[in-house]
C-alpha atoms as a PDB file:
ATOM      1  CA  UNK A   1      20.429  29.895  -6.890  1.00  0.00           C
ATOM      2  CA  UNK A   2      19.569  25.670  -6.889  1.00  0.00           C
ATOM      3  CA  UNK A   3      23.199  23.631  -5.412  1.00  0.00           C
ATOM      4  CA  UNK A   4      22.202  21.114  -7.394  1.00  0.00           C
ATOM      5  CA  UNK A   5      21.381  20.150 -11.391  1.00  0.00           C
ATOM      6  CA  UNK A   6      17.832  20.410 -11.672  1.00  0.00           C
ATOM      7  CA  UNK A   7      16.968  16.885 -12.268  1.00  0.00           C
ATOM      8  CA  UNK A   8      18.445  16.178  -8.642  1.00  0.00           C
ATOM      9  CA  UNK A   9      16.458  18.946  -7.225  1.00  0.00           C
ATOM     10  CA  UNK A  10      13.143  16.973  -8.719  1.00  0.00           C
ATOM     11  CA  UNK A  11      14.220  13.985  -7.535  1.00  0.00           C
ATOM     12  CA  UNK A  12      14.891  15.418  -3.978  1.00  0.00           C
ATOM     13  CA  UNK A  13      11.324  17.153  -4.327  1.00  0.00           C
ATOM     14  CA  UNK A  14       9.451  13.847  -5.516  1.00  0.00           C
ATOM     15  CA  UNK A  15      10.874  12.421  -2.305  1.00  0.00           C
ATOM     16  CA  UNK A  16       9.772  14.413   0.104  1.00  0.00           C
ATOM     17  CA  UNK A  17       6.426  14.161  -0.852  1.00  0.00           C
ATOM     18  CA  UNK A  18       6.723  10.810   0.376  1.00  0.00           C
ATOM     19  CA  UNK A  19       5.651  10.298   3.959  1.00  0.00           C
ATOM     20  CA  UNK A  20       8.155  10.481   6.840  1.00  0.00           C
ATOM     21  CA  UNK A  21      10.972  11.852   4.010  1.00  0.00           C
ATOM     22  CA  UNK A  22      12.168  15.544   5.017  1.00  0.00           C
ATOM     23  CA  UNK A  23      14.631  17.013   2.414  1.00  0.00           C
ATOM     24  CA  UNK A  24      17.900  15.753   4.286  1.00  0.00           C
ATOM     25  CA  UNK A  25      16.349  11.964   4.081  1.00  0.00           C
ATOM     26  CA  UNK A  26      15.166  12.796   0.352  1.00  0.00           C
ATOM     27  CA  UNK A  27      18.767  14.691  -0.488  1.00  0.00           C
ATOM     28  CA  UNK A  28      20.427  11.535   0.864  1.00  0.00           C
ATOM     29  CA  UNK A  29      17.997   9.039  -1.300  1.00  0.00           C
ATOM     30  CA  UNK A  30      18.398  10.941  -4.093  1.00  0.00           C
ATOM     31  CA  UNK A  31      22.559  10.326  -4.052  1.00  0.00           C
ATOM     32  CA  UNK A  32      22.350   6.803  -3.248  1.00  0.00           C
ATOM     33  CA  UNK A  33      20.322   6.942  -6.260  1.00  0.00           C
ATOM     34  CA  UNK A  34      22.457   8.595  -8.294  1.00  0.00           C
ATOM     35  CA  UNK A  35      25.089   6.280  -6.869  1.00  0.00           C
ATOM     36  CA  UNK A  36      23.618   3.422  -8.209  1.00  0.00           C
ATOM     37  CA  UNK A  37      23.485   1.369 -11.228  1.00  0.00           C
ATOM     38  CA  UNK A  38      21.621   2.060 -13.902  1.00  0.00           C
ATOM     39  CA  UNK A  39      19.797  -1.314 -13.817  1.00  0.00           C
ATOM     40  CA  UNK A  40      18.953  -0.841  -9.839  1.00  0.00           C
ATOM     41  CA  UNK A  41      17.208   2.251 -10.543  1.00  0.00           C
ATOM     42  CA  UNK A  42      15.566   1.015 -13.520  1.00  0.00           C
ATOM     43  CA  UNK A  43      14.459  -1.561 -11.189  1.00  0.00           C
ATOM     44  CA  UNK A  44      13.044   0.873  -8.712  1.00  0.00           C
ATOM     45  CA  UNK A  45      11.533   3.131 -11.281  1.00  0.00           C
ATOM     46  CA  UNK A  46       9.527  -0.355 -12.766  1.00  0.00           C
ATOM     47  CA  UNK A  47       8.450  -1.492  -9.272  1.00  0.00           C
ATOM     48  CA  UNK A  48       7.091   2.008  -8.474  1.00  0.00           C
ATOM     49  CA  UNK A  49       5.114   1.803 -11.765  1.00  0.00           C
ATOM     50  CA  UNK A  50       4.275  -1.991 -11.631  1.00  0.00           C
ATOM     51  CA  UNK A  51       2.813  -1.277  -8.393  1.00  0.00           C
ATOM     52  CA  UNK A  52       0.879   1.411  -9.722  1.00  0.00           C
ATOM     53  CA  UNK A  53      -0.369  -0.498 -12.472  1.00  0.00           C
ATOM     54  CA  UNK A  54      -0.885  -3.882 -11.090  1.00  0.00           C
ATOM     55  CA  UNK A  55      -2.725  -3.328  -7.707  1.00  0.00           C
ATOM     56  CA  UNK A  56      -6.100  -3.215  -6.948  1.00  0.00           C
ATOM     57  CA  UNK A  57      -8.745  -4.073  -4.423  1.00  0.00           C
ATOM     58  CA  UNK A  58      -9.874  -7.506  -3.876  1.00  0.00           C
ATOM     59  CA  UNK A  59     -13.219  -8.001  -4.982  1.00  0.00           C
ATOM     60  CA  UNK A  60     -14.160  -9.978  -1.923  1.00  0.00           C
ATOM     61  CA  UNK A  61     -12.390  -8.557   0.875  1.00  0.00           C
ATOM     62  CA  UNK A  62     -11.114  -5.204  -0.456  1.00  0.00           C
ATOM     63  CA  UNK A  63      -6.983  -6.139   0.447  1.00  0.00           C
ATOM     64  CA  UNK A  64      -4.591  -4.438  -1.928  1.00  0.00           C
ATOM     65  CA  UNK A  65      -3.499  -7.527  -4.477  1.00  0.00           C
ATOM     66  CA  UNK A  66      -2.411  -8.152  -7.997  1.00  0.00           C
ATOM     67  CA  UNK A  67      -4.731 -10.874  -8.619  1.00  0.00           C
ATOM     68  CA  UNK A  68      -8.605 -11.104  -8.122  1.00  0.00           C
ATOM     69  CA  UNK A  69      -9.239 -12.843  -5.329  1.00  0.00           C
ATOM     70  CA  UNK A  70      -6.779 -12.221  -3.792  1.00  0.00           C
ATOM     71  CA  UNK A  71      -4.327 -15.160  -2.273  1.00  0.00           C
ATOM     72  CA  UNK A  72      -6.110 -14.754   1.036  1.00  0.00           C
ATOM     73  CA  UNK A  73      -9.264 -14.989  -0.290  1.00  0.00           C
ATOM     74  CA  UNK A  74      -8.138 -17.846  -2.307  1.00  0.00           C
ATOM     75  CA  UNK A  75      -6.974 -20.026   0.313  1.00  0.00           C
ATOM     76  CA  UNK A  76      -9.682 -22.490   1.250  1.00  0.00           C
ATOM     77  CA  UNK A  77      -7.656 -23.459   4.005  1.00  0.00           C
ATOM     78  CA  UNK A  78      -8.935 -19.999   5.581  1.00  0.00           C
ATOM     79  CA  UNK A  79     -11.784 -20.596   8.166  1.00  0.00           C
ATOM     80  CA  UNK A  80     -14.689 -18.703   5.920  1.00  0.00           C
ATOM     81  CA  UNK A  81     -16.601 -18.332   9.548  1.00  0.00           C
ATOM     82  CA  UNK A  82     -14.520 -15.894  11.195  1.00  0.00           C
ATOM     83  CA  UNK A  83     -14.683 -12.153  10.103  1.00  0.00           C
ATOM     84  CA  UNK A  84     -11.744  -9.771  11.129  1.00  0.00           C
ATOM     85  CA  UNK A  85     -12.434  -6.700  10.232  1.00  0.00           C
ATOM     86  CA  UNK A  86      -9.615  -3.746   9.810  1.00  0.00           C
ATOM     87  CA  UNK A  87      -8.900  -0.552   9.002  1.00  0.00           C
ATOM     88  CA  UNK A  88      -6.636  -1.043   6.400  1.00  0.00           C
ATOM     89  CA  UNK A  89      -4.397  -3.415   4.675  1.00  0.00           C
ATOM     90  CA  UNK A  90      -0.880  -2.623   6.994  1.00  0.00           C
ATOM     91  CA  UNK A  91      -3.180  -3.734   9.761  1.00  0.00           C
ATOM     92  CA  UNK A  92      -4.231  -7.105   7.474  1.00  0.00           C
ATOM     93  CA  UNK A  93      -0.240  -7.058   6.998  1.00  0.00           C
ATOM     94  CA  UNK A  94       0.673  -7.353  11.156  1.00  0.00           C
ATOM     95  CA  UNK A  95      -2.225  -9.780  12.312  1.00  0.00           C
ATOM     96  CA  UNK A  96      -0.745 -11.960   8.922  1.00  0.00           C
ATOM     97  CA  UNK A  97       2.737 -11.601  10.441  1.00  0.00           C
ATOM     98  CA  UNK A  98       1.515 -13.123  13.933  1.00  0.00           C
ATOM     99  CA  UNK A  99       0.224 -16.506  12.262  1.00  0.00           C
ATOM    100  CA  UNK A 100      -2.797 -16.389  14.529  1.00  0.00           C
ATOM    101  CA  UNK A 101      -5.173 -15.757  12.631  1.00  0.00           C
ATOM    102  CA  UNK A 102      -6.694 -17.990   9.987  1.00  0.00           C
ATOM    103  CA  UNK A 103      -9.880 -16.368   8.945  1.00  0.00           C
ATOM    104  CA  UNK A 104     -10.950 -14.057   6.459  1.00  0.00           C
ATOM    105  CA  UNK A 105     -10.391 -10.096   6.419  1.00  0.00           C
ATOM    106  CA  UNK A 106     -12.256  -7.126   5.248  1.00  0.00           C
ATOM    107  CA  UNK A 107     -10.222  -4.130   4.919  1.00  0.00           C
ATOM    108  CA  UNK A 108     -12.499  -0.960   5.174  1.00  0.00           C
ATOM    109  CA  UNK A 109      -9.962   1.343   3.886  1.00  0.00           C
ATOM    110  CA  UNK A 110     -10.479   4.085   6.311  1.00  0.00           C
ATOM    111  CA  UNK A 111     -12.584   4.594   9.726  1.00  0.00           C
ATOM    112  CA  UNK A 112     -15.591   6.873  10.326  1.00  0.00           C
ATOM    113  CA  UNK A 113     -14.785  10.260  11.280  1.00  0.00           C
ATOM    114  CA  UNK A 114     -17.568  12.697  11.489  1.00  0.00           C
ATOM    115  CA  UNK A 115     -15.197  15.257  12.743  1.00  0.00           C
ATOM    116  CA  UNK A 116     -13.097  14.645   9.713  1.00  0.00           C
ATOM    117  CA  UNK A 117     -16.358  14.799   7.258  1.00  0.00           C
ATOM    118  CA  UNK A 118     -16.017  11.065   6.507  1.00  0.00           C
ATOM    119  CA  UNK A 119     -18.723   8.803   6.819  1.00  0.00           C
ATOM    120  CA  UNK A 120     -19.947   5.455   6.115  1.00  0.00           C
ATOM    121  CA  UNK A 121     -20.005   6.001   2.194  1.00  0.00           C
ATOM    122  CA  UNK A 122     -16.590   7.094   2.473  1.00  0.00           C
ATOM    123  CA  UNK A 123     -15.424   3.643   3.739  1.00  0.00           C
ATOM    124  CA  UNK A 124     -15.278  -0.076   1.994  1.00  0.00           C
ATOM    125  CA  UNK A 125     -18.422  -1.363   4.040  1.00  0.00           C
ATOM    126  CA  UNK A 126     -19.581  -4.194   1.589  1.00  0.00           C
ATOM    127  CA  UNK A 127     -18.615  -7.732   2.160  1.00  0.00           C
ATOM    128  CA  UNK A 128     -18.723  -9.354  -1.206  1.00  0.00           C
ATOM    129  CA  UNK A 129     -20.448 -12.812  -0.929  1.00  0.00           C
ATOM    130  CA  UNK A 130     -17.974 -15.762  -1.655  1.00  0.00           C
ATOM    131  CA  UNK A 131     -18.013 -17.858  -4.235  1.00  0.00           C
END
């Protein structure tokens, strides 16, 4: 027998699919959303849809972006002679947050792992020429 109304159970179930979100945390989040105003819930839903509809890979560095090329690749003050290869967008963000690197990036979106069946063809290996 379900304890909550069906829409609440569906929201909790959907939230448990997020990494690191267990059932208790999902229920807390669901009830927070339920207590929120309709406009706050709509803003959250819109932000989720926007990220799915508008985010794509930069054609030059493969970073996540809403414009092509991304803001980093557009920055003429960056040192195009220095390239930092990173596993994923989170690594790029961590490096950018230090403020210590002023070069360009190449985001692989993974690592080669033969034991897990991930080969070179499964990552973003080619760097596009600069324009």
